[in-house]
Amino acid sequence: MSRLRVEFTTEPFDLDEAPAHALVAREVIEAAELDSVDVGPFGNTVEGGADAVLGAVDTLLRRSLEAGATRISLQVNVIGDVTEEGNEGATEEENVTGEEGP
């Protein structure tokens, strides 16, 4: 199973106070069972197993749009695999050789 990192922002921005869609996005992400969550005023980053991250992103998209988001930008990166041996976060090449690639 893959590990994913997702970076996202919700819009429109409001510099005076966090809009409802941003608060909903934060609530969804903080409630999800993710390994790492970094919530900031202009961008957010989460990491975890693929199923947990994708489930959280689905909920995030639906609830943020319902709460008034007019745009949600996100980037999804595969950051490694979780192998049977428990080699969490290793790249595919690391899983095969046990060493980092060139």
Protein backbone atom coordinates (compact mmCIF):
# COMPACT_ATOMS: atom_id res chain seq x y z
CA MET A 1 0.00 0.00 0.00
CA SER A 2 1.26 3.47 -0.82
CA ARG A 3 1.83 6.42 1.46
CA LEU A 4 0.56 9.75 0.18
CA ARG A 5 1.23 13.41 0.85
CA VAL A 6 -1.50 15.89 -0.07
CA GLU A 7 -1.11 19.64 -0.12
CA PHE A 8 -4.31 21.67 -0.44
CA THR A 9 -5.85 25.11 -0.19
CA THR A 10 -9.46 26.23 -0.14
CA GLU A 11 -10.68 29.51 -1.53
CA PRO A 12 -11.82 32.26 -1.37
CA PHE A 13 -9.28 33.61 1.11
CA ASP A 14 -10.23 35.96 3.90
CA LEU A 15 -7.30 37.57 5.68
CA ASP A 16 -9.43 38.91 8.55
CA GLU A 17 -10.90 35.60 9.73
CA ALA A 18 -10.95 32.01 8.59
CA PRO A 19 -13.95 31.37 6.32
CA ALA A 20 -16.38 28.53 7.07
CA HIS A 21 -14.97 26.30 4.32
CA ALA A 22 -11.45 26.59 5.77
CA LEU A 23 -12.71 25.70 9.25
CA VAL A 24 -14.57 22.68 7.85
CA ALA A 25 -11.45 21.55 5.96
CA ARG A 26 -9.39 21.80 9.16
CA GLU A 27 -12.02 19.85 11.11
CA VAL A 28 -12.10 17.06 8.51
CA ILE A 29 -8.33 16.72 8.37
CA GLU A 30 -7.79 16.84 12.12
CA ALA A 31 -10.47 14.15 12.64
CA ALA A 32 -8.96 11.78 10.06
CA GLU A 33 -6.54 9.04 11.06
CA LEU A 34 -3.48 10.51 9.35
CA ASP A 35 0.19 10.28 10.28
CA SER A 36 1.02 13.95 9.82
CA VAL A 37 -1.11 17.10 9.60
CA ASP A 38 0.20 20.62 9.07
CA VAL A 39 -2.55 23.23 8.85
CA GLY A 40 -1.60 26.79 7.93
CA PRO A 41 -3.30 29.98 6.77
CA PHE A 42 -2.29 29.61 3.10
CA GLY A 43 -1.77 25.88 2.69
CA ASN A 44 -2.18 22.56 4.39
CA THR A 45 -0.24 19.31 4.17
CA VAL A 46 -1.26 15.83 5.30
CA GLU A 47 0.45 12.44 5.09
CA GLY A 48 -0.65 8.91 5.69
CA GLY A 49 -1.65 5.61 4.17
CA ALA A 50 -3.43 5.84 0.83
CA ASP A 51 -6.83 4.71 2.12
CA ALA A 52 -6.85 7.18 5.01
CA VAL A 53 -5.64 10.08 2.89
CA LEU A 54 -8.03 9.41 0.00
CA GLY A 55 -10.97 9.03 2.38
CA ALA A 56 -10.09 12.30 4.09
CA VAL A 57 -9.70 14.09 0.73
CA ASP A 58 -13.12 12.84 -0.41
CA THR A 59 -14.75 14.17 2.76
CA LEU A 60 -12.72 17.38 2.59
CA LEU A 61 -13.85 18.12 -0.97
CA ARG A 62 -17.52 17.42 -0.30
CA ARG A 63 -17.79 19.28 3.00
CA SER A 64 -15.65 22.28 1.99
CA LEU A 65 -17.70 22.83 -1.17
CA GLU A 66 -20.91 22.54 0.85
CA ALA A 67 -19.49 25.15 3.27
CA GLY A 68 -18.87 27.70 0.52
CA ALA A 69 -15.49 26.95 -1.05
CA THR A 70 -15.41 28.13 -4.65
CA ARG A 71 -12.05 26.54 -5.44
CA ILE A 72 -10.00 23.77 -3.87
CA SER A 73 -6.49 23.21 -5.14
CA LEU A 74 -4.69 20.03 -4.25
CA GLN A 75 -1.58 18.13 -5.12
CA VAL A 76 -1.16 14.43 -4.36
CA ASN A 77 2.27 12.79 -4.17
CA VAL A 78 3.15 9.16 -3.62
CA ILE A 79 5.92 9.29 -1.02
CA GLY A 80 6.57 5.59 -0.47
CA ASP A 81 5.15 2.17 0.14
CA VAL A 82 4.25 0.23 3.23
CA THR A 83 5.63 -3.26 2.70
CA GLU A 84 4.89 -6.53 4.41
CA GLU A 85 8.22 -6.27 6.22
CA GLY A 86 7.09 -2.96 7.72
CA ASN A 87 9.52 -0.87 5.64
CA GLU A 88 7.18 2.09 5.86
CA GLY A 89 7.97 5.06 3.65
CA ALA A 90 10.59 3.34 1.52
CA THR A 91 10.68 3.91 -2.19
CA GLU A 92 10.09 0.99 -4.51
CA GLU A 93 13.83 0.70 -5.20
CA GLU A 94 14.63 0.75 -1.48
CA ASN A 95 12.14 -2.08 -0.91
CA VAL A 96 13.83 -4.24 -3.55
CA THR A 97 17.48 -3.63 -2.66
CA GLY A 98 17.29 -2.49 0.93
CA GLU A 99 19.38 0.54 -0.06
CA GLU A 100 18.72 3.95 -1.50
CA GLY A 101 18.97 4.25 -5.26
CA PRO A 102 21.63 6.26 -7.06
